[in-house]
Amino acid sequence: MKKLSRNFMLSLLFFAGYLTQVSAEVVYFSNLKAAEFEMGNLLEWTTSSETNSQSFIIEKSTDAVTYVELGTVEAAGSSNEQKTYNYLDVGATDKKSFYRLKQVDGDGTSSFSQVVLLSKMMTNNFSMVSFNTTEVTDDFVVTYNSSVSGDMQVEVTDETGTSVLHSEFFTASVGVNDLQVDMKNMIEGTYQMVFTLEAEREILTISKVGGDTPSMLSRKPNDKGSRN
């Protein structure tokens, strides 16, 4: 009787382990895709269902052999609906970038997606690093990293981008640069701030509220797309 009880318990443990193994699953509706934007490489993927999913770890390689972790996107956990995820590799400058997902489940298991290759076609002379959004009353301050030297043109336009309200030039040096745009005379409202260095352009949409600092509402790569 004791032997039967012991076998029965072993069977239960085996069955429980089997259930643990099959209780986590992610079904992809669309595989990992990569697209080049002026502000970086945008990765996107969609799942049709998820069971006990925990996270997606984004990994990158320049030789398709050695991968480094870029960041983590939290998964839905459990879902029977389509879920679209994206991740922006900000300021990516490599001529060739290999990307893959390491999908981690709640039970500790993991699996890799297919690898996608993105060959860079655009120039990437500069990339935005940070913006001031608090504790500034009159000026908009931005820090950017430049790979070339030259004249950075900054234009402040209306919300639609059709009317230029202010324009000035700043000297861009190779490396990290700071520039400050005077917003004291701007009335409350929404503006576009256009940064141009050589043939590359970046656009920020900012809001001037009273005497407080402009706050960043959105950032977009030259009107070439949006993130859902």
Protein backbone atom coordinates (compact mmCIF):
# COMPACT_ATOMS: atom_id res chain seq x y z
CA MET A 1 0.00 0.00 0.00
CA LYS A 2 2.86 2.32 0.83
CA LYS A 3 4.51 1.49 -2.50
CA LEU A 4 1.32 2.30 -4.38
CA SER A 5 0.98 5.58 -2.49
CA ARG A 6 4.59 6.48 -3.31
CA ASN A 7 4.10 5.72 -7.02
CA PHE A 8 0.91 7.70 -7.03
CA MET A 9 2.70 10.72 -5.52
CA LEU A 10 5.51 10.43 -8.08
CA SER A 11 2.91 10.39 -10.86
CA LEU A 12 1.29 13.52 -9.47
CA LEU A 13 4.63 15.28 -9.31
CA PHE A 14 5.44 14.30 -12.89
CA PHE A 15 2.04 15.48 -14.08
CA ALA A 16 2.39 18.77 -12.19
CA GLY A 17 5.79 19.30 -13.78
CA TYR A 18 4.34 18.61 -17.20
CA LEU A 19 1.57 21.15 -16.62
CA THR A 20 4.17 23.72 -15.55
CA GLN A 21 6.07 23.19 -18.78
CA VAL A 22 3.05 23.65 -21.05
CA SER A 23 1.36 26.42 -19.03
CA ALA A 24 3.42 29.19 -20.65
CA GLU A 25 3.17 30.04 -24.34
CA VAL A 26 3.36 33.00 -26.70
CA VAL A 27 1.89 32.82 -30.20
CA TYR A 28 3.14 35.51 -32.58
CA PHE A 29 0.73 37.17 -35.00
CA SER A 30 3.58 38.95 -36.78
CA ASN A 31 7.29 38.32 -36.35
CA LEU A 32 9.88 40.83 -35.23
CA LYS A 33 10.34 43.67 -37.71
CA ALA A 34 12.90 46.49 -37.79
CA ALA A 35 12.59 49.88 -39.48
CA GLU A 36 15.08 52.71 -39.72
CA PHE A 37 14.18 56.20 -38.52
CA GLU A 38 16.35 59.24 -38.07
CA MET A 39 16.09 59.00 -34.28
CA GLY A 40 16.97 55.30 -34.22
CA ASN A 41 15.86 51.81 -35.22
CA LEU A 42 12.28 50.93 -34.38
CA LEU A 43 11.49 47.29 -33.56
CA GLU A 44 7.92 45.99 -33.61
CA TRP A 45 6.22 42.64 -33.07
CA THR A 46 2.68 41.42 -32.41
CA THR A 47 1.34 38.47 -30.45
CA SER A 48 -2.05 36.85 -31.03
CA SER A 49 -2.18 35.10 -27.64
CA GLU A 50 -0.07 34.88 -24.50
CA THR A 51 -0.16 32.55 -21.52
CA ASN A 52 1.94 33.30 -18.45
CA SER A 53 4.30 35.52 -20.45
CA GLN A 54 6.60 37.78 -18.43
CA SER A 55 8.80 39.93 -20.67
CA PHE A 56 10.59 40.43 -23.97
CA ILE A 57 14.31 41.14 -23.75
CA ILE A 58 15.66 42.96 -26.83
CA GLU A 59 19.13 41.81 -27.88
CA LYS A 60 21.41 43.33 -30.52
CA SER A 61 24.53 42.22 -32.38
CA THR A 62 26.76 43.71 -35.05
CA ASP A 63 28.15 40.35 -36.21
CA ALA A 64 25.20 37.95 -35.63
CA VAL A 65 27.37 36.06 -33.13
CA THR A 66 27.73 38.10 -29.95
CA TYR A 67 24.54 39.70 -28.64
CA VAL A 68 24.11 42.36 -25.96
CA GLU A 69 20.94 43.23 -24.08
CA LEU A 70 19.40 46.60 -25.01
CA GLY A 71 16.32 46.66 -22.81
CA THR A 72 13.20 44.88 -21.63
CA VAL A 73 9.54 45.27 -22.57
CA GLU A 74 6.93 43.92 -20.17
CA ALA A 75 4.67 41.25 -21.68
CA ALA A 76 0.90 41.01 -21.32
CA GLY A 77 0.96 37.97 -19.04
CA SER A 78 -2.21 36.30 -20.30
CA SER A 79 -4.14 37.53 -23.32
CA ASN A 80 -6.27 36.22 -26.17
CA GLU A 81 -6.14 39.50 -28.09
CA GLN A 82 -3.55 40.90 -30.47
CA LYS A 83 -0.89 42.85 -28.60
CA THR A 84 1.59 45.05 -30.47
CA TYR A 85 4.92 45.85 -28.88
CA ASN A 86 7.69 48.20 -29.96
CA TYR A 87 11.13 49.32 -28.85
CA LEU A 88 13.25 52.20 -30.14
CA ASP A 89 17.00 51.68 -30.32
CA VAL A 90 17.75 55.39 -29.92
CA GLY A 91 20.64 56.84 -31.89
CA ALA A 92 21.65 53.56 -33.53
CA THR A 93 24.59 54.25 -35.85
CA ASP A 94 25.86 50.79 -36.82
CA LYS A 95 25.85 50.04 -40.53
CA LYS A 96 24.39 46.59 -39.83
CA SER A 97 22.36 45.65 -36.78
CA PHE A 98 21.05 42.19 -35.95
CA TYR A 99 18.11 42.07 -33.54
CA ARG A 100 16.30 39.25 -31.75
CA LEU A 101 13.85 38.82 -28.87
CA LYS A 102 14.42 36.68 -25.82
CA GLN A 103 10.90 35.90 -24.65
CA VAL A 104 10.80 35.02 -20.93
CA ASP A 105 7.84 33.20 -19.35
CA GLY A 106 6.59 33.32 -15.80
CA ASP A 107 7.75 29.76 -15.20
CA GLY A 108 11.37 30.74 -15.89
CA THR A 109 11.61 29.29 -19.39
CA SER A 110 12.71 31.39 -22.35
CA SER A 111 12.93 31.21 -26.12
CA PHE A 112 14.42 33.29 -28.93
CA SER A 113 12.68 34.84 -31.90
CA GLN A 114 14.04 34.83 -35.40
CA VAL A 115 16.87 37.28 -36.11
CA VAL A 116 16.23 40.38 -38.23
CA LEU A 117 18.95 42.37 -40.00
CA LEU A 118 18.70 46.12 -40.51
CA SER A 119 21.20 47.72 -42.88
CA LYS A 120 21.38 51.45 -42.28
CA MET A 121 20.65 53.65 -45.29
CA MET A 122 20.14 57.07 -43.71
CA THR A 123 22.77 59.39 -42.38
CA ASN A 124 22.72 59.78 -38.63
CA ASN A 125 24.71 62.91 -37.96
CA PHE A 126 23.16 63.66 -34.59
CA SER A 127 20.76 62.23 -32.02
CA MET A 128 18.86 63.85 -29.17
CA VAL A 129 20.05 62.87 -25.70
CA SER A 130 17.87 64.80 -23.25
CA PHE A 131 15.44 67.71 -22.92
CA ASN A 132 14.56 69.94 -19.99
CA THR A 133 10.93 69.61 -19.04
CA THR A 134 10.90 70.95 -15.45
CA GLU A 135 12.31 73.82 -13.42
CA VAL A 136 12.84 76.08 -16.46
CA THR A 137 10.70 79.16 -16.91
CA ASP A 138 11.81 80.82 -20.15
CA ASP A 139 14.21 78.62 -22.12
CA PHE A 140 14.07 75.23 -23.83
CA VAL A 141 17.36 73.39 -23.36
CA VAL A 142 18.32 70.31 -25.35
CA THR A 143 21.39 68.07 -25.29
CA TYR A 144 22.36 66.18 -28.43
CA ASN A 145 25.24 64.02 -29.60
CA SER A 146 26.78 64.91 -32.97
CA SER A 147 29.11 62.85 -35.15
CA VAL A 148 29.93 65.85 -37.37
CA SER A 149 30.74 69.52 -36.87
CA GLY A 150 28.81 72.31 -38.57
CA ASP A 151 25.94 74.76 -38.18
CA MET A 152 22.83 73.47 -36.42
CA GLN A 153 19.76 75.41 -37.54
CA VAL A 154 16.87 75.58 -35.06
CA GLU A 155 13.46 76.77 -36.23
CA VAL A 156 10.38 77.31 -34.09
CA THR A 157 7.20 76.94 -36.14
CA ASP A 158 3.49 76.91 -35.45
CA GLU A 159 1.74 73.67 -34.53
CA THR A 160 1.30 72.63 -38.17
CA GLY A 161 4.89 73.38 -39.13
CA THR A 162 3.85 75.75 -41.92
CA SER A 163 4.83 79.10 -40.40
CA VAL A 164 8.37 79.78 -39.11
CA LEU A 165 8.21 82.03 -36.04
CA HIS A 166 11.88 81.99 -35.06
CA SER A 167 15.13 80.76 -36.59
CA GLU A 168 18.74 80.78 -35.42
CA PHE A 169 22.03 78.87 -35.87
CA PHE A 170 24.19 77.13 -33.30
CA THR A 171 27.68 75.68 -33.73
CA ALA A 172 27.67 71.90 -33.48
CA SER A 173 30.87 70.16 -32.43
CA VAL A 174 31.67 66.46 -32.57
CA GLY A 175 30.45 64.93 -29.30
CA VAL A 176 27.87 66.11 -26.78
CA ASN A 177 26.39 69.58 -27.34
CA ASP A 178 23.94 71.75 -25.40
CA LEU A 179 21.81 74.46 -26.91
CA GLN A 180 19.27 76.83 -25.42
CA VAL A 181 16.30 78.36 -27.23
CA ASP A 182 14.73 81.49 -25.78
CA MET A 183 10.96 81.00 -25.39
CA LYS A 184 10.23 84.09 -23.27
CA ASN A 185 8.41 85.92 -26.04
CA MET A 186 6.35 82.93 -27.14
CA ILE A 187 2.68 82.95 -26.17
CA GLU A 188 1.00 79.90 -24.67
CA GLY A 189 0.40 77.19 -27.24
CA THR A 190 1.86 74.26 -29.13
CA TYR A 191 4.90 74.59 -31.38
CA GLN A 192 7.20 72.49 -33.52
CA MET A 193 10.93 72.81 -32.99
CA VAL A 194 12.94 71.75 -36.06
CA PHE A 195 16.65 70.88 -35.76
CA THR A 196 18.63 70.64 -39.02
CA LEU A 197 22.28 69.65 -39.39
CA GLU A 198 23.53 69.15 -42.94
CA ALA A 199 20.77 67.08 -44.63
CA GLU A 200 19.39 65.55 -41.44
CA ARG A 201 16.36 66.88 -39.60
CA GLU A 202 14.66 66.12 -36.29
CA ILE A 203 11.33 67.54 -35.11
CA LEU A 204 10.00 67.96 -31.58
CA THR A 205 6.52 69.10 -30.65
CA ILE A 206 6.55 71.26 -27.51
CA SER A 207 4.01 73.18 -25.48
CA LYS A 208 4.58 76.61 -23.93
CA VAL A 209 2.43 77.05 -20.83
CA GLY A 210 2.47 80.51 -19.26
CA GLY A 211 5.85 81.31 -17.76
CA ASP A 212 6.65 77.66 -17.13
CA THR A 213 8.97 75.48 -19.11
CA PRO A 214 7.92 73.96 -22.44
CA SER A 215 7.12 70.31 -21.91
CA MET A 216 7.86 67.66 -24.51
CA LEU A 217 4.61 66.26 -25.90
CA SER A 218 6.04 64.01 -28.57
CA ARG A 219 9.09 63.32 -30.66
CA LYS A 220 8.88 62.06 -34.19
CA PRO A 221 11.38 61.05 -36.87
CA ASN A 222 10.81 63.51 -39.67
CA ASP A 223 7.13 62.62 -40.06
CA LYS A 224 7.97 59.12 -41.28
CA GLY A 225 5.81 57.15 -38.93
CA SER A 226 4.27 56.80 -35.53
CA ARG A 227 4.28 54.30 -32.70
CA ASN A 228 1.11 52.54 -31.65
